[in-house]
Amino acid sequence: MKRREFIKSGAFAAAISILPKPLLAASAPDKPNILLIMVDDLGYLDLSCQGAKDIKTPNIDQLAASGIRFTAGYVTAPQCGPSRAGLMTGMSQSRFAYKSNEDQSGLPPKDYVQTLPEQLKSKGYATGMIGKWHIGSVHTEKKAFVSLPGNAPWERGFDYVLKMDGGGGHYFPYRQAGIEWMVTRKREPRLQLKADADSAPRYLDDLPGDTYLTDCFSDYGVKFVTRHKDQPWFLFLSYNAPHTPCIAKADKLEKFAHIKNKQRRILAAMMDSVDEGVAQVLKALKDTGQEKNTIVWFLSDNGGPTAKNGSRNDPFSGLKGDMHEGGIRVPFMVSWPGTIDAGKVAGKPVISLDILPTSLAAAGKTSLPAVHEGKNLLPWMKDKADYPDRQMAWSWRNVSAIRVGALKETRNSREVKSVDGKTVPKHVFSNLDENPKELEEKALKDPEQKQMLSSCLNNWLLQIEADQKKVAPLLRRP
């Protein structure tokens, strides 16, 4: 893949068109399957293909080697729920006031924005969601994580759903200790299933006591891709690992006994289960002849919460909840054997918003509603077009950031520490090519560059406020 200039001079602030945007759909006669694998709270340096020396993830490494590994892959928020809402809608969740896990009103109705599975379903795809959903979930006095009306996955485009309750759940939910852990937190320990033909979801009561969530999700993922081998499908395989509570299987812990740090050892063991699960699903694709007709995306929903689960975001500063790079830059890769060249490492910035338009283009959709903000990367990934000019902006709670080319302004709520212990200011301007840690001593000095960034970010935030006012009457408040 040729390296091209990321951004042309002066082309950093293009407005969203009111007309549908052309997608330049794939020319392949068959619609490709789309497998979207998301992990939870994984740090930037928590895969061996990302440079980790203590954690081994050979199967995820092979996935990265079979396509493109993005070294500047981003999500839309440094927290689970908002990040996932942005992923599924292909628009910044801030536009519909999904400000955080705690401050949100769920997704707008379908006539305002259709999710990725809703649009793929209209193109004849079978759609499945397995694992963590955590979109439009609110707390009540009697129960945690109740879905707002119209926000359950089977209400937003997924025909087949196997899901856990809420955010981070116990990894052995059918053991007595797991049941007690969940019930104490007002959580439903049982998994919930809605198969394609079911009129309503039901709880699974018959799973073995030693059911380990990661393995369970992988097993159901294998069954889904095998069952739908004769039709195009979309599967959102959403692991909750390595989110807290950090619990690994005994044999995996023994495998990583050489890691002295207990938290890091557990994380490595948890990711070993994820890595094996990814291998099983990819093997099912190969065994059923679907390997070359399946796009596979892999990413984390936000940066690692280092002190909580032993994750590492090196070389970046900050963590989950921060607008510094460590909170929003994540492991991110895509593979499509035979269509996308293998063995590519791309430094161009991409964001989870790009998954929706790119996947829809591959599925044959020739135009995209203007409400979606991501870029169709397919022509660029196939080396048939230049990288699209763009800016990226973020807002979450009361913090925000913008990236234009390699330049970034970060407005965080607190100072953070770099990996080498230096204090990183909460408000900093950086050239990420020269200052990826966002250190104060290497901060941008050029007043014109700083003014450009602040002006772009302020204008974007004004757009966000205006959009929130438009969407507010459509939302179902908790």
Protein backbone atom coordinates (compact mmCIF):
# COMPACT_ATOMS: atom_id res chain seq x y z
CA MET A 1 0.00 0.00 0.00
CA LYS A 2 1.46 3.30 -1.04
CA ARG A 3 2.00 5.92 1.61
CA ARG A 4 0.25 9.15 0.70
CA GLU A 5 -0.13 12.51 2.32
CA PHE A 6 -2.91 12.38 4.89
CA ILE A 7 -4.29 15.84 4.45
CA LYS A 8 -4.08 18.55 1.84
CA SER A 9 -3.33 22.09 2.89
CA GLY A 10 -6.47 23.88 4.03
CA ALA A 11 -8.72 20.86 3.63
CA PHE A 12 -9.14 20.05 7.28
CA ALA A 13 -12.67 21.25 8.02
CA ALA A 14 -15.07 19.99 5.38
CA ALA A 15 -18.71 20.35 6.37
CA ILE A 16 -21.11 17.41 6.28
CA SER A 17 -23.08 17.46 3.04
CA ILE A 18 -26.87 17.47 3.17
CA LEU A 19 -26.91 15.04 0.25
CA PRO A 20 -26.24 11.30 0.41
CA LYS A 21 -22.56 10.56 0.00
CA PRO A 22 -21.42 8.14 -2.73
CA LEU A 23 -19.76 5.03 -1.37
CA LEU A 24 -18.10 3.49 -4.45
CA ALA A 25 -19.42 0.01 -3.69
CA ALA A 26 -17.36 -3.13 -4.16
CA SER A 27 -17.63 -4.79 -7.56
CA ALA A 28 -17.56 -8.35 -6.23
CA PRO A 29 -20.74 -10.23 -7.28
CA ASP A 30 -21.23 -11.82 -3.87
CA LYS A 31 -21.90 -9.75 -0.78
CA PRO A 32 -19.14 -10.38 1.73
CA ASN A 33 -19.85 -11.51 5.25
CA ILE A 34 -18.86 -9.00 7.93
CA LEU A 35 -17.41 -10.12 11.25
CA LEU A 36 -16.92 -7.31 13.76
CA ILE A 37 -14.92 -8.42 16.80
CA MET A 38 -14.74 -6.00 19.71
CA VAL A 39 -12.91 -6.50 22.99
CA ASP A 40 -13.47 -4.48 26.12
CA ASP A 41 -10.93 -2.24 27.89
CA LEU A 42 -7.95 -3.61 25.98
CA GLY A 43 -4.89 -1.38 26.12
CA TYR A 44 -2.85 -0.33 23.11
CA LEU A 45 0.07 -2.54 24.24
CA ASP A 46 -1.94 -5.64 25.19
CA LEU A 47 -1.41 -7.69 22.01
CA SER A 48 1.87 -9.15 20.84
CA CYS A 49 1.29 -7.70 17.35
CA GLN A 50 1.10 -4.30 19.07
CA GLY A 51 4.50 -4.81 20.66
CA ALA A 52 3.65 -6.53 23.93
CA LYS A 53 6.47 -8.85 25.05
CA ASP A 54 4.74 -10.53 27.98
CA ILE A 55 1.36 -11.26 26.36
CA LYS A 56 1.13 -13.68 23.47
CA THR A 57 -1.80 -13.50 21.05
CA PRO A 58 -0.66 -15.50 18.01
CA ASN A 59 -4.07 -15.86 16.41
CA ILE A 60 -4.99 -12.20 16.65
CA ASP A 61 -1.47 -11.47 15.38
CA GLN A 62 -2.18 -13.67 12.37
CA LEU A 63 -5.44 -11.82 11.77
CA ALA A 64 -3.48 -8.55 11.74
CA ALA A 65 -0.88 -10.03 9.40
CA SER A 66 -3.59 -11.16 6.97
CA GLY A 67 -4.75 -7.58 6.36
CA ILE A 68 -4.11 -4.08 7.66
CA ARG A 69 -3.12 -3.17 11.21
CA PHE A 70 -3.82 0.49 11.91
CA THR A 71 -1.37 2.11 14.31
CA ALA A 72 -3.58 5.20 14.63
CA GLY A 73 -6.98 3.59 15.13
CA TYR A 74 -9.47 5.50 17.28
CA VAL A 75 -12.88 5.10 18.87
CA THR A 76 -15.41 7.86 19.47
CA ALA A 77 -15.24 7.93 23.27
CA PRO A 78 -12.98 6.73 26.09
CA GLN A 79 -15.81 4.68 27.63
CA CYS A 80 -17.79 1.56 26.71
CA GLY A 81 -21.38 2.64 26.08
CA PRO A 82 -20.78 5.85 24.12
CA SER A 83 -18.06 4.19 22.06
CA ARG A 84 -20.38 1.36 21.10
CA ALA A 85 -23.23 3.74 20.29
CA GLY A 86 -20.94 5.59 17.91
CA LEU A 87 -19.79 2.32 16.34
CA MET A 88 -23.30 1.02 15.67
CA THR A 89 -24.73 4.31 14.33
CA GLY A 90 -21.70 5.53 12.39
CA MET A 91 -22.10 8.99 13.90
CA SER A 92 -20.69 10.71 16.93
CA GLN A 93 -22.89 9.67 19.83
CA SER A 94 -22.49 13.19 21.20
CA ARG A 95 -24.81 14.37 18.44
CA PHE A 96 -27.67 12.55 20.17
CA ALA A 97 -26.52 13.38 23.71
CA TYR A 98 -25.06 9.99 24.54
CA LYS A 99 -22.58 11.73 26.80
CA SER A 100 -21.48 8.81 28.99
CA ASN A 101 -22.64 5.49 30.40
CA GLU A 102 -24.47 7.39 33.10
CA ASP A 103 -25.70 10.41 31.12
CA GLN A 104 -27.49 9.15 28.02
CA SER A 105 -30.90 8.55 26.52
CA GLY A 106 -30.03 5.72 24.21
CA LEU A 107 -30.15 5.66 20.42
CA PRO A 108 -32.39 7.91 18.32
CA PRO A 109 -35.28 6.19 16.51
CA LYS A 110 -34.75 4.36 13.23
CA ASP A 111 -36.23 7.17 11.13
CA TYR A 112 -33.39 9.40 12.34
CA VAL A 113 -30.48 6.97 12.11
CA GLN A 114 -30.33 3.34 11.09
CA THR A 115 -27.69 1.19 12.72
CA LEU A 116 -25.21 -0.91 10.78
CA PRO A 117 -27.21 -4.15 11.30
CA GLU A 118 -30.46 -2.42 10.32
CA GLN A 119 -28.97 -1.31 7.03
CA LEU A 120 -27.28 -4.64 6.34
CA LYS A 121 -30.50 -6.47 7.12
CA SER A 122 -32.22 -4.43 4.41
CA LYS A 123 -29.54 -5.72 2.00
CA GLY A 124 -30.47 -9.33 2.76
CA TYR A 125 -27.97 -10.05 5.53
CA ALA A 126 -28.56 -12.36 8.47
CA THR A 127 -27.56 -10.38 11.55
CA GLY A 128 -26.23 -11.58 14.89
CA MET A 129 -24.93 -10.09 18.12
CA ILE A 130 -23.09 -12.22 20.66
CA GLY A 131 -21.68 -10.88 23.92
CA LYS A 132 -21.76 -7.41 25.42
CA TRP A 133 -24.26 -4.84 24.11
CA HIS A 134 -24.31 -2.06 26.73
CA ILE A 135 -26.10 0.48 24.52
CA GLY A 136 -29.09 2.35 25.92
CA SER A 137 -28.79 0.68 29.32
CA VAL A 138 -29.86 2.59 32.43
CA HIS A 139 -29.92 1.89 36.15
CA THR A 140 -33.15 1.65 38.12
CA GLU A 141 -33.75 1.23 41.84
CA LYS A 142 -34.66 -2.45 41.44
CA LYS A 143 -32.30 -3.50 38.66
CA ALA A 144 -29.16 -2.34 36.93
CA PHE A 145 -28.80 -2.12 33.16
CA VAL A 146 -32.40 -2.02 31.97
CA SER A 147 -32.67 -1.34 28.24
CA LEU A 148 -34.49 1.79 27.24
CA PRO A 149 -37.41 1.20 24.85
CA GLY A 150 -36.15 0.68 21.32
CA ASN A 151 -32.56 0.03 22.40
CA ALA A 152 -32.33 -3.73 22.81
CA PRO A 153 -30.21 -5.33 20.08
CA TRP A 154 -33.21 -7.24 18.66
CA GLU A 155 -34.96 -3.87 18.32
CA ARG A 156 -32.04 -2.33 16.40
CA GLY A 157 -31.42 -4.75 13.58
CA PHE A 158 -30.15 -8.00 15.11
CA ASP A 159 -32.17 -11.14 14.44
CA TYR A 160 -30.01 -13.45 16.53
CA VAL A 161 -28.82 -12.25 19.95
CA LEU A 162 -26.96 -13.88 22.81
CA LYS A 163 -26.11 -11.24 25.35
CA MET A 164 -24.89 -10.68 28.86
CA ASP A 165 -26.49 -8.14 31.15
CA GLY A 166 -24.98 -4.66 30.99
CA GLY A 167 -21.30 -3.83 31.17
CA GLY A 168 -18.71 -5.93 32.93
CA GLY A 169 -20.13 -9.20 34.22
CA HIS A 170 -18.78 -12.16 36.16
CA TYR A 171 -16.96 -14.57 33.83
CA PHE A 172 -18.47 -17.63 35.52
CA PRO A 173 -22.09 -16.41 35.82
CA TYR A 174 -23.50 -19.92 36.36
CA ARG A 175 -21.28 -20.74 39.32
CA GLN A 176 -22.68 -19.93 42.73
CA ALA A 177 -19.97 -17.31 43.31
CA GLY A 178 -20.81 -15.71 39.98
CA ILE A 179 -24.53 -15.71 40.68
CA GLU A 180 -23.97 -14.05 44.05
CA TRP A 181 -21.60 -11.48 42.52
CA MET A 182 -24.16 -10.51 39.89
CA VAL A 183 -27.21 -10.52 42.15
CA THR A 184 -25.45 -8.37 44.76
CA ARG A 185 -24.99 -5.77 42.00
CA LYS A 186 -28.62 -6.06 40.88
CA ARG A 187 -27.53 -7.84 37.72
CA GLU A 188 -29.10 -10.75 35.87
CA PRO A 189 -26.51 -13.57 35.91
CA ARG A 190 -28.11 -15.65 33.16
CA LEU A 191 -27.39 -15.03 29.50
CA GLN A 192 -30.28 -13.88 27.35
CA LEU A 193 -30.99 -15.46 23.96
CA LYS A 194 -33.24 -14.48 21.11
CA ALA A 195 -32.88 -16.86 18.19
CA ASP A 196 -34.02 -15.88 14.71
CA ALA A 197 -37.47 -17.45 14.97
CA ASP A 198 -38.16 -16.49 18.59
CA SER A 199 -40.91 -13.97 19.17
CA ALA A 200 -39.25 -12.79 22.38
CA PRO A 201 -35.91 -13.25 24.16
CA ARG A 202 -35.50 -15.82 26.90
CA TYR A 203 -32.96 -16.48 29.64
CA LEU A 204 -30.74 -19.53 29.40
CA ASP A 205 -31.12 -21.63 32.53
CA ASP A 206 -29.40 -24.81 31.40
CA LEU A 207 -25.78 -23.80 30.82
CA PRO A 208 -23.16 -25.69 32.86
CA GLY A 209 -21.82 -24.15 36.04
CA ASP A 210 -18.30 -23.95 34.59
CA THR A 211 -19.43 -21.90 31.59
CA TYR A 212 -16.72 -19.29 30.98
CA LEU A 213 -18.17 -16.30 29.16
CA THR A 214 -15.34 -15.81 26.68
CA ASP A 215 -15.44 -19.45 25.60
CA CYS A 216 -19.23 -19.39 25.45
CA PHE A 217 -19.27 -16.37 23.16
CA SER A 218 -16.67 -17.97 20.90
CA ASP A 219 -18.63 -21.23 20.71
CA TYR A 220 -21.84 -19.43 19.76
CA GLY A 221 -19.88 -17.36 17.24
CA VAL A 222 -18.65 -20.54 15.54
CA LYS A 223 -22.21 -21.86 15.40
CA PHE A 224 -23.50 -18.62 13.89
CA VAL A 225 -20.96 -18.40 11.05
CA THR A 226 -21.36 -22.11 10.30
CA ARG A 227 -25.14 -21.99 10.32
CA HIS A 228 -25.28 -19.05 7.90
CA LYS A 229 -22.61 -20.24 5.46
CA ASP A 230 -25.02 -20.12 2.53
CA GLN A 231 -26.15 -16.48 2.93
CA PRO A 232 -24.45 -13.16 3.64
CA TRP A 233 -24.26 -12.37 7.33
CA PHE A 234 -23.09 -9.76 9.82
CA LEU A 235 -21.92 -10.83 13.27
CA PHE A 236 -21.00 -8.46 16.08
CA LEU A 237 -18.86 -10.71 18.32
CA SER A 238 -18.50 -8.56 21.40
CA TYR A 239 -16.23 -9.99 24.09
CA ASN A 240 -16.39 -8.45 27.57
CA ALA A 241 -12.75 -9.44 28.23
CA PRO A 242 -10.55 -8.02 29.61
CA HIS A 243 -13.04 -5.76 31.46
CA THR A 244 -13.26 -6.13 35.23
CA PRO A 245 -13.88 -8.24 37.24
CA CYS A 246 -10.63 -9.79 36.10
CA ILE A 247 -11.19 -13.56 36.15
CA ALA A 248 -9.29 -16.15 34.15
CA LYS A 249 -9.36 -19.91 33.91
CA ALA A 250 -6.88 -21.80 36.08
CA ASP A 251 -4.99 -23.40 33.19
CA LYS A 252 -4.52 -20.02 31.54
CA LEU A 253 -3.17 -18.49 34.73
CA GLU A 254 -0.65 -21.30 34.97
CA LYS A 255 0.43 -20.66 31.37
CA PHE A 256 1.37 -17.08 32.26
CA ALA A 257 2.84 -17.77 35.70
CA HIS A 258 6.06 -16.08 34.56
CA ILE A 259 4.36 -12.68 34.63
CA LYS A 260 5.07 -11.35 38.13
CA ASN A 261 2.45 -8.60 38.16
CA LYS A 262 -0.78 -10.34 39.22
CA GLN A 263 -3.11 -8.02 37.33
CA ARG A 264 -1.06 -8.30 34.17
CA ARG A 265 -0.91 -12.08 34.53
CA ILE A 266 -4.70 -12.33 34.77
CA LEU A 267 -5.14 -10.02 31.79
CA ALA A 268 -2.73 -12.16 29.75
CA ALA A 269 -4.68 -15.28 30.71
CA MET A 270 -7.99 -13.66 29.83
CA MET A 271 -6.67 -12.56 26.45
CA ASP A 272 -5.37 -16.05 25.78
CA SER A 273 -8.97 -17.24 25.94
CA VAL A 274 -10.02 -14.46 23.57
CA ASP A 275 -7.16 -15.36 21.22
CA GLU A 276 -8.22 -19.01 21.15
CA GLY A 277 -11.82 -17.98 20.53
CA VAL A 278 -10.83 -15.77 17.61
CA ALA A 279 -8.89 -18.72 16.19
CA GLN A 280 -11.94 -20.98 16.46
CA VAL A 281 -14.17 -18.54 14.62
CA LEU A 282 -11.60 -17.92 11.89
CA LYS A 283 -11.14 -21.69 11.51
CA ALA A 284 -14.89 -22.05 11.08
CA LEU A 285 -14.73 -19.50 8.26
CA LYS A 286 -11.98 -21.47 6.55
CA ASP A 287 -13.61 -24.87 7.09
CA THR A 288 -16.89 -23.66 5.57
CA GLY A 289 -15.25 -21.92 2.60
CA GLN A 290 -16.11 -18.40 3.79
CA GLU A 291 -12.62 -17.11 4.53
CA LYS A 292 -12.15 -15.10 1.33
CA ASN A 293 -15.66 -13.74 1.41
CA THR A 294 -15.53 -12.34 4.94
CA ILE A 295 -14.34 -8.95 6.13
CA VAL A 296 -13.04 -9.18 9.70
CA TRP A 297 -12.70 -6.08 11.87
CA PHE A 298 -11.02 -6.18 15.28
CA LEU A 299 -10.76 -3.35 17.82
CA SER A 300 -11.15 -2.39 21.47
CA ASP A 301 -13.98 -0.15 22.65
CA ASN A 302 -11.64 2.27 24.48
CA GLY A 303 -8.18 2.49 25.97
CA GLY A 304 -7.15 0.35 28.91
CA PRO A 305 -8.00 1.34 32.52
CA THR A 306 -4.47 0.44 33.52
CA ALA A 307 -4.80 0.40 37.32
CA LYS A 308 -7.98 -1.69 37.22
CA ASN A 309 -7.11 -4.54 34.86
CA GLY A 310 -3.36 -4.42 34.33
CA SER A 311 -3.61 -3.09 30.79
CA ARG A 312 -0.99 -0.86 29.19
CA ASN A 313 -1.45 1.96 26.71
CA ASP A 314 2.23 2.51 25.92
CA PRO A 315 3.62 4.61 24.42
CA PHE A 316 0.67 6.92 24.94
CA SER A 317 -0.37 8.94 27.96
CA GLY A 318 -3.72 8.62 29.69
CA LEU A 319 -6.19 5.77 30.01
CA LYS A 320 -9.87 4.90 29.79
CA GLY A 321 -11.80 8.09 30.56
CA ASP A 322 -9.12 10.44 29.19
CA MET A 323 -9.04 12.40 25.93
CA HIS A 324 -5.32 11.87 25.70
CA GLU A 325 -4.24 9.21 23.22
CA GLY A 326 -4.26 6.44 25.81
CA GLY A 327 -8.02 6.80 26.24
CA ILE A 328 -9.14 6.80 22.61
CA ARG A 329 -6.38 5.20 20.49
CA VAL A 330 -6.85 1.43 20.41
CA PRO A 331 -5.73 -1.78 18.69
CA PHE A 332 -7.55 -1.72 15.33
CA MET A 333 -7.24 -4.04 12.33
CA VAL A 334 -9.13 -5.31 9.29
CA SER A 335 -8.72 -8.35 7.07
CA TRP A 336 -10.34 -9.45 3.81
CA PRO A 337 -8.16 -12.18 2.27
CA GLY A 338 -7.84 -11.90 -1.50
CA THR A 339 -9.31 -8.39 -1.59
CA ILE A 340 -7.14 -6.42 0.82
CA ASP A 341 -3.39 -6.96 0.62
CA ALA A 342 -1.90 -8.76 3.60
CA GLY A 343 0.91 -7.61 5.84
CA LYS A 344 0.14 -3.90 5.84
CA VAL A 345 0.81 -1.57 8.76
CA ALA A 346 -0.89 1.78 8.20
CA GLY A 347 -0.18 4.97 10.11
CA LYS A 348 -3.12 6.88 8.67
CA PRO A 349 -5.69 7.75 11.36
CA VAL A 350 -8.95 5.82 11.18
CA ILE A 351 -11.88 5.75 13.55
CA SER A 352 -14.64 3.30 14.46
CA LEU A 353 -17.10 5.53 12.57
CA ASP A 354 -15.45 4.30 9.35
CA ILE A 355 -16.57 0.71 9.87
CA LEU A 356 -20.21 1.43 8.95
CA PRO A 357 -19.64 3.14 5.57
CA THR A 358 -16.81 0.80 4.61
CA SER A 359 -18.85 -2.29 5.42
CA LEU A 360 -21.94 -0.97 3.64
CA ALA A 361 -19.88 -0.17 0.54
CA ALA A 362 -18.55 -3.72 0.52
CA ALA A 363 -22.14 -4.97 0.86
CA GLY A 364 -23.15 -3.09 -2.28
CA LYS A 365 -24.78 0.01 -0.85
CA THR A 366 -23.98 2.82 -3.27
CA SER A 367 -24.89 5.85 -1.14
CA LEU A 368 -24.82 6.78 2.51
CA PRO A 369 -27.24 9.00 4.46
CA ALA A 370 -25.53 12.24 5.44
CA VAL A 371 -26.14 11.55 9.13
CA HIS A 372 -23.21 9.13 9.10
CA GLU A 373 -19.82 10.77 9.63
CA GLY A 374 -17.30 8.06 8.89
CA LYS A 375 -15.31 7.56 5.71
CA ASN A 376 -15.55 4.69 3.27
CA LEU A 377 -12.01 3.33 3.45
CA LEU A 378 -12.55 0.52 0.96
CA PRO A 379 -11.05 2.23 -2.13
CA TRP A 380 -8.02 3.29 -0.09
CA MET A 381 -7.64 -0.13 1.53
CA LYS A 382 -7.71 -1.71 -1.94
CA ASP A 383 -5.05 0.83 -3.03
CA LYS A 384 -7.38 2.36 -5.61
CA ALA A 385 -7.73 5.84 -4.11
CA ASP A 386 -5.94 8.35 -1.94
CA TYR A 387 -6.60 8.46 1.77
CA PRO A 388 -9.66 10.68 2.41
CA ASP A 389 -9.04 14.14 3.85
CA ARG A 390 -10.62 14.55 7.25
CA GLN A 391 -10.60 15.85 10.77
CA MET A 392 -11.54 13.81 13.83
CA ALA A 393 -13.16 15.28 16.90
CA TRP A 394 -14.33 13.88 20.22
CA SER A 395 -16.48 14.94 23.16
CA TRP A 396 -17.34 12.91 26.23
CA ARG A 397 -18.78 14.27 29.45
CA ASN A 398 -17.06 17.66 29.69
CA VAL A 399 -13.85 16.84 27.83
CA SER A 400 -13.03 17.06 24.14
CA ALA A 401 -10.28 16.78 21.54
CA ILE A 402 -9.61 17.24 17.85
CA ARG A 403 -7.08 15.80 15.43
CA VAL A 404 -6.26 17.49 12.11
CA GLY A 405 -3.55 15.68 10.22
CA ALA A 406 -0.89 14.95 12.84
CA LEU A 407 -1.92 17.94 14.95
CA LYS A 408 -4.09 17.47 18.02
CA GLU A 409 -5.63 19.59 20.73
CA THR A 410 -6.55 17.72 23.92
CA ARG A 411 -8.90 19.24 26.50
CA ASN A 412 -8.98 16.74 29.33
CA SER A 413 -10.43 17.15 32.83
CA ARG A 414 -7.18 16.31 34.62
CA GLU A 415 -3.46 15.97 34.27
CA VAL A 416 -2.19 12.48 33.48
CA LYS A 417 1.14 10.70 33.65
CA SER A 418 3.20 9.57 30.68
CA VAL A 419 4.59 6.03 30.66
CA ASP A 420 7.90 7.41 31.93
CA GLY A 421 6.23 9.27 34.81
CA LYS A 422 6.17 12.79 33.41
CA THR A 423 3.20 15.05 34.08
CA VAL A 424 1.08 15.63 30.99
CA PRO A 425 -1.10 18.75 31.12
CA LYS A 426 -4.86 18.45 30.84
CA HIS A 427 -4.88 21.00 28.00
CA VAL A 428 -2.17 20.48 25.42
CA PHE A 429 -1.46 21.01 21.73
CA SER A 430 0.66 18.34 20.06
CA ASN A 431 2.12 17.16 16.81
CA LEU A 432 1.54 13.46 17.34
CA ASP A 433 4.22 12.47 14.85
CA GLU A 434 6.78 14.26 17.00
CA ASN A 435 5.10 14.15 20.40
CA PRO A 436 2.89 11.01 20.71
CA LYS A 437 3.01 11.20 24.52
CA GLU A 438 1.55 14.75 24.40
CA LEU A 439 4.32 16.04 26.65
CA GLU A 440 4.27 19.69 27.66
CA GLU A 441 7.93 20.31 26.79
CA LYS A 442 7.27 19.18 23.21
CA ALA A 443 3.91 20.91 22.83
CA LEU A 444 3.03 22.94 19.75
CA LYS A 445 4.28 26.52 19.85
CA ASP A 446 2.99 27.84 16.53
CA PRO A 447 0.08 30.21 17.36
CA GLU A 448 -1.55 29.75 13.96
CA GLN A 449 -1.65 25.97 14.32
CA LYS A 450 -3.06 26.26 17.82
CA GLN A 451 -5.68 28.77 16.67
CA MET A 452 -6.66 26.50 13.78
CA LEU A 453 -7.18 23.54 16.09
CA SER A 454 -9.16 25.49 18.67
CA SER A 455 -11.33 27.11 16.01
CA CYS A 456 -12.12 23.75 14.41
CA LEU A 457 -12.90 22.15 17.76
CA ASN A 458 -15.06 25.04 18.95
CA ASN A 459 -17.04 24.99 15.71
CA TRP A 460 -17.49 21.24 15.98
CA LEU A 461 -18.75 21.52 19.55
CA LEU A 462 -21.26 24.15 18.45
CA GLN A 463 -22.51 21.71 15.79
CA ILE A 464 -22.84 19.05 18.47
CA GLU A 465 -24.93 21.32 20.68
CA ALA A 466 -27.19 22.22 17.77
CA ASP A 467 -27.66 18.57 16.83
CA GLN A 468 -28.48 17.63 20.42
CA LYS A 469 -31.30 20.17 20.44
CA LYS A 470 -32.71 18.77 17.22
CA VAL A 471 -32.58 15.17 18.41
CA ALA A 472 -33.70 15.76 22.01
CA PRO A 473 -37.46 15.58 21.29
CA LEU A 474 -36.95 12.20 19.60
CA LEU A 475 -35.18 10.52 22.49
CA ARG A 476 -36.89 8.46 25.16
CA ARG A 477 -35.64 9.81 28.43
CA PRO A 478 -34.94 7.40 31.30
